Amino acid sequence: MKEKLATILKWFSKIWSFLVVLSIFVGAVGIIIFDGWSKFTEIFSPFNLLNYLLILVLLLPAIGAYYLSERFLKSKD
């Protein structure tokens, strides 16, 4: 049972991560198209810590599911 749940959680983390990366990519392309390069560089600036914090918050469910699946696989042994 734990092995099946671990597999489901691992797939969830992969799909969630893909959707987050896809939404960031689509948002970046949309910003470039509609607002221009200067707005893109303003939002994705390395000094814009809020942007990176929000990306981390979006990725937290995937990270948590991945670590939980690894924990289930280790506890199976």
Protein backbone atom coordinates (compact mmCIF):
# COMPACT_ATOMS: atom_id res chain seq x y z
CA MET A 1 0.00 0.00 0.00
CA LYS A 2 2.79 2.44 0.89
CA GLU A 3 4.57 1.67 -2.37
CA LYS A 4 1.49 2.57 -4.39
CA LEU A 5 0.98 5.77 -2.40
CA ALA A 6 4.66 6.63 -2.89
CA THR A 7 4.27 6.20 -6.65
CA ILE A 8 1.17 8.40 -6.71
CA LEU A 9 2.93 11.09 -4.67
CA LYS A 10 5.98 10.98 -6.92
CA TRP A 11 3.80 11.42 -10.02
CA PHE A 12 1.92 14.25 -8.31
CA SER A 13 5.20 16.03 -7.59
CA LYS A 14 6.36 15.65 -11.20
CA ILE A 15 3.08 16.90 -12.64
CA TRP A 16 2.86 19.80 -10.15
CA SER A 17 6.45 20.84 -10.91
CA PHE A 18 5.78 20.70 -14.64
CA LEU A 19 2.65 22.84 -14.28
CA VAL A 20 4.50 25.42 -12.18
CA VAL A 21 7.34 25.65 -14.70
CA LEU A 22 4.84 25.82 -17.57
CA SER A 23 2.87 28.62 -15.90
CA ILE A 24 6.08 30.58 -15.25
CA PHE A 25 7.12 30.13 -18.87
CA VAL A 26 3.71 31.15 -20.24
CA GLY A 27 3.63 34.13 -17.89
CA ALA A 28 7.11 35.20 -18.95
CA VAL A 29 6.22 34.96 -22.64
CA GLY A 30 3.02 36.90 -22.00
CA ILE A 31 4.91 39.63 -20.18
CA ILE A 32 7.40 39.92 -23.03
CA ILE A 33 4.66 40.06 -25.65
CA PHE A 34 2.28 42.47 -23.93
CA ASP A 35 4.51 44.59 -21.67
CA GLY A 36 7.92 44.37 -23.30
CA TRP A 37 11.42 43.31 -22.37
CA SER A 38 11.94 46.01 -19.74
CA LYS A 39 8.96 44.80 -17.69
CA PHE A 40 10.20 41.22 -18.01
CA THR A 41 13.64 42.15 -16.71
CA GLU A 42 12.03 44.10 -13.88
CA ILE A 43 9.90 41.15 -12.75
CA PHE A 44 12.56 38.45 -13.22
CA SER A 45 15.36 40.56 -11.77
CA PRO A 46 17.65 38.68 -9.35
CA PHE A 47 16.89 41.40 -6.81
CA ASN A 48 13.12 40.75 -6.92
CA LEU A 49 13.07 38.39 -3.95
CA LEU A 50 9.28 38.35 -3.71
CA ASN A 51 9.12 36.68 -7.13
CA TYR A 52 11.45 33.89 -6.04
CA LEU A 53 9.61 33.49 -2.75
CA LEU A 54 6.33 33.03 -4.59
CA ILE A 55 7.92 30.46 -6.91
CA LEU A 56 9.13 28.57 -3.84
CA VAL A 57 5.62 28.68 -2.34
CA LEU A 58 4.21 27.32 -5.59
CA LEU A 59 6.74 24.48 -5.58
CA LEU A 60 6.28 23.54 -1.91
CA PRO A 61 3.47 20.99 -2.54
CA ALA A 62 5.65 19.20 -5.10
CA ILE A 63 8.67 19.23 -2.80
CA GLY A 64 6.61 17.96 0.12
CA ALA A 65 5.02 15.19 -1.93
CA TYR A 66 8.41 14.09 -3.23
CA TYR A 67 9.96 13.89 0.25
CA LEU A 68 6.89 12.11 1.60
CA SER A 69 7.09 9.54 -1.19
CA GLU A 70 10.77 8.97 -0.42
CA ARG A 71 9.89 8.54 3.25
CA PHE A 72 7.22 5.96 2.39
CA LEU A 73 9.71 4.03 0.26
CA LYS A 74 12.31 4.03 3.04
CA SER A 75 9.81 2.94 5.67
CA LYS A 76 8.76 0.04 3.43
CA ASP A 77 12.17 -1.62 3.88
